[in-house]
Amino acid sequence: MIHAPERQNLSLDNYADLLALAGIVRATATCNACGPDSLPYRTDSLWLVHDQSGEDTSGLTLLCAHHASDWVHTDHFIATS
């Protein structure tokens, strides 16, 4: 481990944010429920809906907090621990 007082200019950054700043990946996406013409959200504010019962990833959905909340309140959500 690096002892911070020895190197005072160190920073701790999120790797995904660094890739986005470098233009390698996008740090935004649109909510599937809002539609493709909606404004994009930061990816860290989106929820990923997927079927955990199999390995098929074709049904992945991204939801904003508003639509994720609506989805949870319709009893589609099963809490896992």
PDB file of N, CA and C in Angstrom:
ATOM      1  N   MET A   1       0.840  -1.179   0.000  1.00  0.00           N
ATOM      2  CA  MET A   1       0.000   0.000   0.000  1.00  0.00           C
ATOM      3  C   MET A   1       0.886   1.243   0.000  1.00  0.00           C
ATOM      4  N   ILE A   2       0.464   2.273  -0.683  1.00  0.00           N
ATOM      5  CA  ILE A   2       1.220   3.525  -0.761  1.00  0.00           C
ATOM      6  C   ILE A   2       0.905   4.370   0.464  1.00  0.00           C
ATOM      7  N   HIS A   3       1.929   4.843   1.096  1.00  0.00           N
ATOM      8  CA  HIS A   3       1.746   5.726   2.248  1.00  0.00           C
ATOM      9  C   HIS A   3       1.535   7.147   1.712  1.00  0.00           C
ATOM     10  N   ALA A   4       0.313   7.663   1.837  1.00  0.00           N
ATOM     11  CA  ALA A   4      -0.079   8.936   1.226  1.00  0.00           C
ATOM     12  C   ALA A   4       0.768  10.141   1.602  1.00  0.00           C
ATOM     13  N   PRO A   5       1.176  10.337   2.869  1.00  0.00           N
ATOM     14  CA  PRO A   5       1.979  11.528   3.186  1.00  0.00           C
ATOM     15  C   PRO A   5       3.293  11.602   2.409  1.00  0.00           C
ATOM     16  N   GLU A   6       3.808  10.456   1.966  1.00  0.00           N
ATOM     17  CA  GLU A   6       5.047  10.465   1.191  1.00  0.00           C
ATOM     18  C   GLU A   6       4.833  11.007  -0.223  1.00  0.00           C
ATOM     19  N   ARG A   7       3.624  10.857  -0.742  1.00  0.00           N
ATOM     20  CA  ARG A   7       3.300  11.304  -2.103  1.00  0.00           C
ATOM     21  C   ARG A   7       2.003  12.098  -2.036  1.00  0.00           C
ATOM     22  N   GLN A   8       2.108  13.395  -1.883  1.00  0.00           N
ATOM     23  CA  GLN A   8       0.947  14.229  -1.597  1.00  0.00           C
ATOM     24  C   GLN A   8       0.077  14.537  -2.806  1.00  0.00           C
ATOM     25  N   ASN A   9       0.513  14.253  -4.014  1.00  0.00           N
ATOM     26  CA  ASN A   9      -0.274  14.578  -5.201  1.00  0.00           C
ATOM     27  C   ASN A   9      -1.061  13.388  -5.749  1.00  0.00           C
ATOM     28  N   LEU A  10      -1.221  12.349  -4.979  1.00  0.00           N
ATOM     29  CA  LEU A  10      -1.971  11.188  -5.421  1.00  0.00           C
ATOM     30  C   LEU A  10      -3.461  11.484  -5.432  1.00  0.00           C
ATOM     31  N   SER A  11      -4.182  10.843  -6.337  1.00  0.00           N
ATOM     32  CA  SER A  11      -5.637  10.945  -6.336  1.00  0.00           C
ATOM     33  C   SER A  11      -6.214   9.552  -6.558  1.00  0.00           C
ATOM     34  N   LEU A  12      -7.418   9.370  -6.079  1.00  0.00           N
ATOM     35  CA  LEU A  12      -8.122   8.106  -6.250  1.00  0.00           C
ATOM     36  C   LEU A  12      -9.291   8.380  -7.184  1.00  0.00           C
ATOM     37  N   ASP A  13      -9.262   7.806  -8.381  1.00  0.00           N
ATOM     38  CA  ASP A  13     -10.278   8.075  -9.393  1.00  0.00           C
ATOM     39  C   ASP A  13     -10.987   6.793  -9.785  1.00  0.00           C
ATOM     40  N   ASN A  14     -12.220   6.948 -10.204  1.00  0.00           N
ATOM     41  CA  ASN A  14     -12.998   5.823 -10.703  1.00  0.00           C
ATOM     42  C   ASN A  14     -12.515   5.486 -12.110  1.00  0.00           C
ATOM     43  N   TYR A  15     -12.184   4.222 -12.343  1.00  0.00           N
ATOM     44  CA  TYR A  15     -11.637   3.801 -13.629  1.00  0.00           C
ATOM     45  C   TYR A  15     -12.611   4.083 -14.779  1.00  0.00           C
ATOM     46  N   ALA A  16     -13.900   3.847 -14.559  1.00  0.00           N
ATOM     47  CA  ALA A  16     -14.891   4.104 -15.608  1.00  0.00           C
ATOM     48  C   ALA A  16     -14.939   5.590 -15.964  1.00  0.00           C
ATOM     49  N   ASP A  17     -14.838   6.465 -14.951  1.00  0.00           N
ATOM     50  CA  ASP A  17     -14.823   7.905 -15.220  1.00  0.00           C
ATOM     51  C   ASP A  17     -13.587   8.307 -16.018  1.00  0.00           C
ATOM     52  N   LEU A  18     -12.455   7.694 -15.713  1.00  0.00           N
ATOM     53  CA  LEU A  18     -11.234   7.997 -16.471  1.00  0.00           C
ATOM     54  C   LEU A  18     -11.375   7.579 -17.935  1.00  0.00           C
ATOM     55  N   LEU A  19     -11.971   6.422 -18.181  1.00  0.00           N
ATOM     56  CA  LEU A  19     -12.199   5.981 -19.563  1.00  0.00           C
ATOM     57  C   LEU A  19     -13.141   6.939 -20.290  1.00  0.00           C
ATOM     58  N   ALA A  20     -14.153   7.434 -19.596  1.00  0.00           N
ATOM     59  CA  ALA A  20     -15.086   8.377 -20.202  1.00  0.00           C
ATOM     60  C   ALA A  20     -14.401   9.706 -20.508  1.00  0.00           C
ATOM     61  N   LEU A  21     -13.589  10.196 -19.581  1.00  0.00           N
ATOM     62  CA  LEU A  21     -12.861  11.449 -19.810  1.00  0.00           C
ATOM     63  C   LEU A  21     -11.890  11.330 -20.980  1.00  0.00           C
ATOM     64  N   ALA A  22     -11.342  10.142 -21.168  1.00  0.00           N
ATOM     65  CA  ALA A  22     -10.410   9.921 -22.276  1.00  0.00           C
ATOM     66  C   ALA A  22     -11.144   9.707 -23.599  1.00  0.00           C
ATOM     67  N   GLY A  23     -12.473   9.655 -23.557  1.00  0.00           N
ATOM     68  CA  GLY A  23     -13.247   9.468 -24.779  1.00  0.00           C
ATOM     69  C   GLY A  23     -13.284   8.026 -25.263  1.00  0.00           C
ATOM     70  N   ILE A  24     -12.892   7.092 -24.420  1.00  0.00           N
ATOM     71  CA  ILE A  24     -12.873   5.677 -24.803  1.00  0.00           C
ATOM     72  C   ILE A  24     -14.259   5.069 -24.669  1.00  0.00           C
ATOM     73  N   VAL A  25     -15.003   5.472 -23.667  1.00  0.00           N
ATOM     74  CA  VAL A  25     -16.378   5.019 -23.461  1.00  0.00           C
ATOM     75  C   VAL A  25     -17.245   6.234 -23.164  1.00  0.00           C
ATOM     76  N   ARG A  26     -18.556   6.046 -23.278  1.00  0.00           N
ATOM     77  CA  ARG A  26     -19.484   7.118 -22.914  1.00  0.00           C
ATOM     78  C   ARG A  26     -19.875   6.968 -21.457  1.00  0.00           C
ATOM     79  N   ALA A  27     -20.063   8.047 -20.783  1.00  0.00           N
ATOM     80  CA  ALA A  27     -20.476   8.024 -19.382  1.00  0.00           C
ATOM     81  C   ALA A  27     -21.958   8.336 -19.251  1.00  0.00           C
ATOM     82  N   THR A  28     -22.696   8.255 -20.366  1.00  0.00           N
ATOM     83  CA  THR A  28     -24.132   8.524 -20.341  1.00  0.00           C
ATOM     84  C   THR A  28     -24.867   7.487 -21.177  1.00  0.00           C
ATOM     85  N   ALA A  29     -26.143   7.326 -20.874  1.00  0.00           N
ATOM     86  CA  ALA A  29     -27.015   6.441 -21.646  1.00  0.00           C
ATOM     87  C   ALA A  29     -28.452   6.899 -21.422  1.00  0.00           C
ATOM     88  N   THR A  30     -29.345   6.460 -22.275  1.00  0.00           N
ATOM     89  CA  THR A  30     -30.750   6.836 -22.119  1.00  0.00           C
ATOM     90  C   THR A  30     -31.522   5.722 -21.431  1.00  0.00           C
ATOM     91  N   CYS A  31     -32.564   6.100 -20.749  1.00  0.00           N
ATOM     92  CA  CYS A  31     -33.469   5.162 -20.088  1.00  0.00           C
ATOM     93  C   CYS A  31     -34.344   4.516 -21.159  1.00  0.00           C
ATOM     94  N   ASN A  32     -34.468   3.204 -21.127  1.00  0.00           N
ATOM     95  CA  ASN A  32     -35.297   2.512 -22.107  1.00  0.00           C
ATOM     96  C   ASN A  32     -36.764   2.917 -22.008  1.00  0.00           C
ATOM     97  N   ALA A  33     -37.243   3.199 -20.807  1.00  0.00           N
ATOM     98  CA  ALA A  33     -38.642   3.578 -20.625  1.00  0.00           C
ATOM     99  C   ALA A  33     -38.908   5.016 -21.053  1.00  0.00           C
ATOM    100  N   CYS A  34     -37.920   5.892 -20.925  1.00  0.00           N
ATOM    101  CA  CYS A  34     -38.083   7.291 -21.352  1.00  0.00           C
ATOM    102  C   CYS A  34     -38.078   7.408 -22.875  1.00  0.00           C
ATOM    103  N   GLY A  35     -37.376   6.512 -23.532  1.00  0.00           N
ATOM    104  CA  GLY A  35     -37.318   6.520 -24.984  1.00  0.00           C
ATOM    105  C   GLY A  35     -36.015   7.080 -25.524  1.00  0.00           C
ATOM    106  N   PRO A  36     -35.723   6.782 -26.785  1.00  0.00           N
ATOM    107  CA  PRO A  36     -34.444   7.180 -27.382  1.00  0.00           C
ATOM    108  C   PRO A  36     -34.278   8.684 -27.569  1.00  0.00           C
ATOM    109  N   ASP A  37     -35.372   9.443 -27.582  1.00  0.00           N
ATOM    110  CA  ASP A  37     -35.289  10.898 -27.765  1.00  0.00           C
ATOM    111  C   ASP A  37     -35.116  11.647 -26.444  1.00  0.00           C
ATOM    112  N   SER A  38     -35.085  10.924 -25.312  1.00  0.00           N
ATOM    113  CA  SER A  38     -34.941  11.573 -24.012  1.00  0.00           C
ATOM    114  C   SER A  38     -33.490  11.978 -23.783  1.00  0.00           C
ATOM    115  N   LEU A  39     -33.313  12.848 -22.827  1.00  0.00           N
ATOM    116  CA  LEU A  39     -31.955  13.272 -22.475  1.00  0.00           C
ATOM    117  C   LEU A  39     -31.210  12.118 -21.819  1.00  0.00           C
ATOM    118  N   PRO A  40     -29.914  11.989 -22.075  1.00  0.00           N
ATOM    119  CA  PRO A  40     -29.151  10.902 -21.453  1.00  0.00           C
ATOM    120  C   PRO A  40     -28.887  11.170 -19.977  1.00  0.00           C
ATOM    121  N   TYR A  41     -28.737  10.090 -19.240  1.00  0.00           N
ATOM    122  CA  TYR A  41     -28.393  10.131 -17.824  1.00  0.00           C
ATOM    123  C   TYR A  41     -26.959   9.649 -17.648  1.00  0.00           C
ATOM    124  N   ARG A  42     -26.312  10.076 -16.563  1.00  0.00           N
ATOM    125  CA  ARG A  42     -25.024   9.490 -16.218  1.00  0.00           C
ATOM    126  C   ARG A  42     -25.261   8.021 -15.915  1.00  0.00           C
ATOM    127  N   THR A  43     -24.367   7.184 -16.350  1.00  0.00           N
ATOM    128  CA  THR A  43     -24.563   5.749 -16.181  1.00  0.00           C
ATOM    129  C   THR A  43     -24.627   5.331 -14.719  1.00  0.00           C
ATOM    130  N   ASP A  44     -24.018   6.080 -13.819  1.00  0.00           N
ATOM    131  CA  ASP A  44     -24.095   5.700 -12.407  1.00  0.00           C
ATOM    132  C   ASP A  44     -25.454   6.017 -11.789  1.00  0.00           C
ATOM    133  N   SER A  45     -26.354   6.659 -12.539  1.00  0.00           N
ATOM    134  CA  SER A  45     -27.696   6.928 -12.027  1.00  0.00           C
ATOM    135  C   SER A  45     -28.753   6.051 -12.702  1.00  0.00           C
ATOM    136  N   LEU A  46     -28.327   5.095 -13.502  1.00  0.00           N
ATOM    137  CA  LEU A  46     -29.259   4.184 -14.167  1.00  0.00           C
ATOM    138  C   LEU A  46     -29.276   2.830 -13.473  1.00  0.00           C
ATOM    139  N   TRP A  47     -30.393   2.164 -13.575  1.00  0.00           N
ATOM    140  CA  TRP A  47     -30.561   0.830 -12.997  1.00  0.00           C
ATOM    141  C   TRP A  47     -30.622  -0.177 -14.129  1.00  0.00           C
ATOM    142  N   LEU A  48     -29.993  -1.315 -13.948  1.00  0.00           N
ATOM    143  CA  LEU A  48     -29.950  -2.377 -14.951  1.00  0.00           C
ATOM    144  C   LEU A  48     -30.948  -3.459 -14.559  1.00  0.00           C
ATOM    145  N   VAL A  49     -31.903  -3.733 -15.440  1.00  0.00           N
ATOM    146  CA  VAL A  49     -32.886  -4.792 -15.217  1.00  0.00           C
ATOM    147  C   VAL A  49     -32.480  -5.968 -16.084  1.00  0.00           C
ATOM    148  N   HIS A  50     -32.332  -7.122 -15.469  1.00  0.00           N
ATOM    149  CA  HIS A  50     -31.965  -8.308 -16.230  1.00  0.00           C
ATOM    150  C   HIS A  50     -32.510  -9.553 -15.555  1.00  0.00           C
ATOM    151  N   ASP A  51     -32.616 -10.612 -16.314  1.00  0.00           N
ATOM    152  CA  ASP A  51     -33.134 -11.888 -15.827  1.00  0.00           C
ATOM    153  C   ASP A  51     -31.976 -12.701 -15.272  1.00  0.00           C
ATOM    154  N   GLN A  52     -31.975 -12.936 -13.970  1.00  0.00           N
ATOM    155  CA  GLN A  52     -30.889 -13.659 -13.334  1.00  0.00           C
ATOM    156  C   GLN A  52     -31.042 -15.174 -13.447  1.00  0.00           C
ATOM    157  N   SER A  53     -32.132 -15.642 -14.060  1.00  0.00           N
ATOM    158  CA  SER A  53     -32.351 -17.082 -14.116  1.00  0.00           C
ATOM    159  C   SER A  53     -31.575 -17.760 -15.242  1.00  0.00           C
ATOM    160  N   GLY A  54     -30.968 -16.985 -16.122  1.00  0.00           N
ATOM    161  CA  GLY A  54     -30.215 -17.577 -17.214  1.00  0.00           C
ATOM    162  C   GLY A  54     -29.053 -16.700 -17.631  1.00  0.00           C
ATOM    163  N   GLU A  55     -28.352 -17.146 -18.646  1.00  0.00           N
ATOM    164  CA  GLU A  55     -27.192 -16.408 -19.134  1.00  0.00           C
ATOM    165  C   GLU A  55     -27.522 -15.501 -20.315  1.00  0.00           C
ATOM    166  N   ASP A  56     -28.765 -15.515 -20.773  1.00  0.00           N
ATOM    167  CA  ASP A  56     -29.183 -14.695 -21.900  1.00  0.00           C
ATOM    168  C   ASP A  56     -29.207 -13.228 -21.488  1.00  0.00           C
ATOM    169  N   THR A  57     -28.465 -12.389 -22.198  1.00  0.00           N
ATOM    170  CA  THR A  57     -28.420 -10.960 -21.869  1.00  0.00           C
ATOM    171  C   THR A  57     -29.181 -10.114 -22.877  1.00  0.00           C
ATOM    172  N   SER A  58     -29.985 -10.745 -23.736  1.00  0.00           N
ATOM    173  CA  SER A  58     -30.686  -9.982 -24.775  1.00  0.00           C
ATOM    174  C   SER A  58     -31.787  -9.095 -24.199  1.00  0.00           C
ATOM    175  N   GLY A  59     -32.276  -9.390 -23.002  1.00  0.00           N
ATOM    176  CA  GLY A  59     -33.366  -8.616 -22.427  1.00  0.00           C
ATOM    177  C   GLY A  59     -32.928  -7.538 -21.461  1.00  0.00           C
ATOM    178  N   LEU A  60     -31.677  -7.126 -21.504  1.00  0.00           N
ATOM    179  CA  LEU A  60     -31.194  -6.089 -20.591  1.00  0.00           C
ATOM    180  C   LEU A  60     -31.917  -4.774 -20.841  1.00  0.00           C
ATOM    181  N   THR A  61     -32.264  -4.089 -19.767  1.00  0.00           N
ATOM    182  CA  THR A  61     -32.955  -2.810 -19.852  1.00  0.00           C
ATOM    183  C   THR A  61     -32.308  -1.835 -18.888  1.00  0.00           C
ATOM    184  N   LEU A  62     -32.125  -0.599 -19.321  1.00  0.00           N
ATOM    185  CA  LEU A  62     -31.630   0.473 -18.456  1.00  0.00           C
ATOM    186  C   LEU A  62     -32.797   1.364 -18.065  1.00  0.00           C
ATOM    187  N   LEU A  63     -32.938   1.627 -16.759  1.00  0.00           N
ATOM    188  CA  LEU A  63     -34.024   2.472 -16.280  1.00  0.00           C
ATOM    189  C   LEU A  63     -33.477   3.609 -15.429  1.00  0.00           C
ATOM    190  N   CYS A  64     -34.063   4.795 -15.594  1.00  0.00           N
ATOM    191  CA  CYS A  64     -33.735   5.922 -14.720  1.00  0.00           C
ATOM    192  C   CYS A  64     -34.356   5.646 -13.356  1.00  0.00           C
ATOM    193  N   ALA A  65     -34.032   6.436 -12.360  1.00  0.00           N
ATOM    194  CA  ALA A  65     -34.535   6.213 -11.005  1.00  0.00           C
ATOM    195  C   ALA A  65     -36.066   6.270 -10.960  1.00  0.00           C
ATOM    196  N   HIS A  66     -36.647   7.187 -11.717  1.00  0.00           N
ATOM    197  CA  HIS A  66     -38.111   7.316 -11.742  1.00  0.00           C
ATOM    198  C   HIS A  66     -38.761   6.034 -12.257  1.00  0.00           C
ATOM    199  N   HIS A  67     -38.303   5.545 -13.397  1.00  0.00           N
ATOM    200  CA  HIS A  67     -38.903   4.342 -13.975  1.00  0.00           C
ATOM    201  C   HIS A  67     -38.531   3.082 -13.197  1.00  0.00           C
ATOM    202  N   ALA A  68     -37.356   3.041 -12.596  1.00  0.00           N
ATOM    203  CA  ALA A  68     -36.995   1.906 -11.748  1.00  0.00           C
ATOM    204  C   ALA A  68     -37.926   1.856 -10.535  1.00  0.00           C
ATOM    205  N   SER A  69     -38.246   3.007  -9.984  1.00  0.00           N
ATOM    206  CA  SER A  69     -39.171   3.072  -8.859  1.00  0.00           C
ATOM    207  C   SER A  69     -40.556   2.582  -9.269  1.00  0.00           C
ATOM    208  N   ASP A  70     -41.036   3.010 -10.429  1.00  0.00           N
ATOM    209  CA  ASP A  70     -42.332   2.537 -10.936  1.00  0.00           C
ATOM    210  C   ASP A  70     -42.318   1.024 -11.107  1.00  0.00           C
ATOM    211  N   TRP A  71     -41.239   0.504 -11.633  1.00  0.00           N
ATOM    212  CA  TRP A  71     -41.116  -0.932 -11.895  1.00  0.00           C
ATOM    213  C   TRP A  71     -41.135  -1.715 -10.588  1.00  0.00           C
ATOM    214  N   VAL A  72     -40.454  -1.218  -9.569  1.00  0.00           N
ATOM    215  CA  VAL A  72     -40.423  -1.887  -8.270  1.00  0.00           C
ATOM    216  C   VAL A  72     -41.815  -1.898  -7.637  1.00  0.00           C
ATOM    217  N   HIS A  73     -42.552  -0.811  -7.775  1.00  0.00           N
ATOM    218  CA  HIS A  73     -43.870  -0.722  -7.146  1.00  0.00           C
ATOM    219  C   HIS A  73     -44.947  -1.521  -7.868  1.00  0.00           C
ATOM    220  N   THR A  74     -44.635  -2.118  -8.996  1.00  0.00           N
ATOM    221  CA  THR A  74     -45.609  -2.965  -9.699  1.00  0.00           C
ATOM    222  C   THR A  74     -45.411  -4.437  -9.369  1.00  0.00           C
ATOM    223  N   ASP A  75     -44.644  -4.715  -8.332  1.00  0.00           N
ATOM    224  CA  ASP A  75     -44.380  -6.080  -7.857  1.00  0.00           C
ATOM    225  C   ASP A  75     -43.600  -6.941  -8.835  1.00  0.00           C
ATOM    226  N   HIS A  76     -42.868  -6.331  -9.772  1.00  0.00           N
ATOM    227  CA  HIS A  76     -41.989  -7.095 -10.659  1.00  0.00           C
ATOM    228  C   HIS A  76     -40.688  -7.424  -9.955  1.00  0.00           C
ATOM    229  N   PHE A  77     -40.393  -6.690  -8.914  1.00  0.00           N
ATOM    230  CA  PHE A  77     -39.109  -6.798  -8.225  1.00  0.00           C
ATOM    231  C   PHE A  77     -39.171  -7.875  -7.160  1.00  0.00           C
ATOM    232  N   ILE A  78     -38.180  -8.722  -7.141  1.00  0.00           N
ATOM    233  CA  ILE A  78     -38.025  -9.736  -6.088  1.00  0.00           C
ATOM    234  C   ILE A  78     -36.722  -9.440  -5.378  1.00  0.00           C
ATOM    235  N   ALA A  79     -36.781  -9.087  -4.120  1.00  0.00           N
ATOM    236  CA  ALA A  79     -35.577  -8.753  -3.376  1.00  0.00           C
ATOM    237  C   ALA A  79     -34.736  -9.996  -3.141  1.00  0.00           C
ATOM    238  N   THR A  80     -33.421  -9.861  -3.350  1.00  0.00           N
ATOM    239  CA  THR A  80     -32.492 -10.945  -3.063  1.00  0.00           C
ATOM    240  C   THR A  80     -31.490 -10.445  -2.063  1.00  0.00           C
ATOM    241  N   SER A  81     -30.967 -11.338  -1.277  1.00  0.00           N
ATOM    242  CA  SER A  81     -29.967 -10.910  -0.289  1.00  0.00           C
ATOM    243  C   SER A  81     -28.672 -11.600  -0.510  1.00  0.00           C
TER     244      SER A  81
END
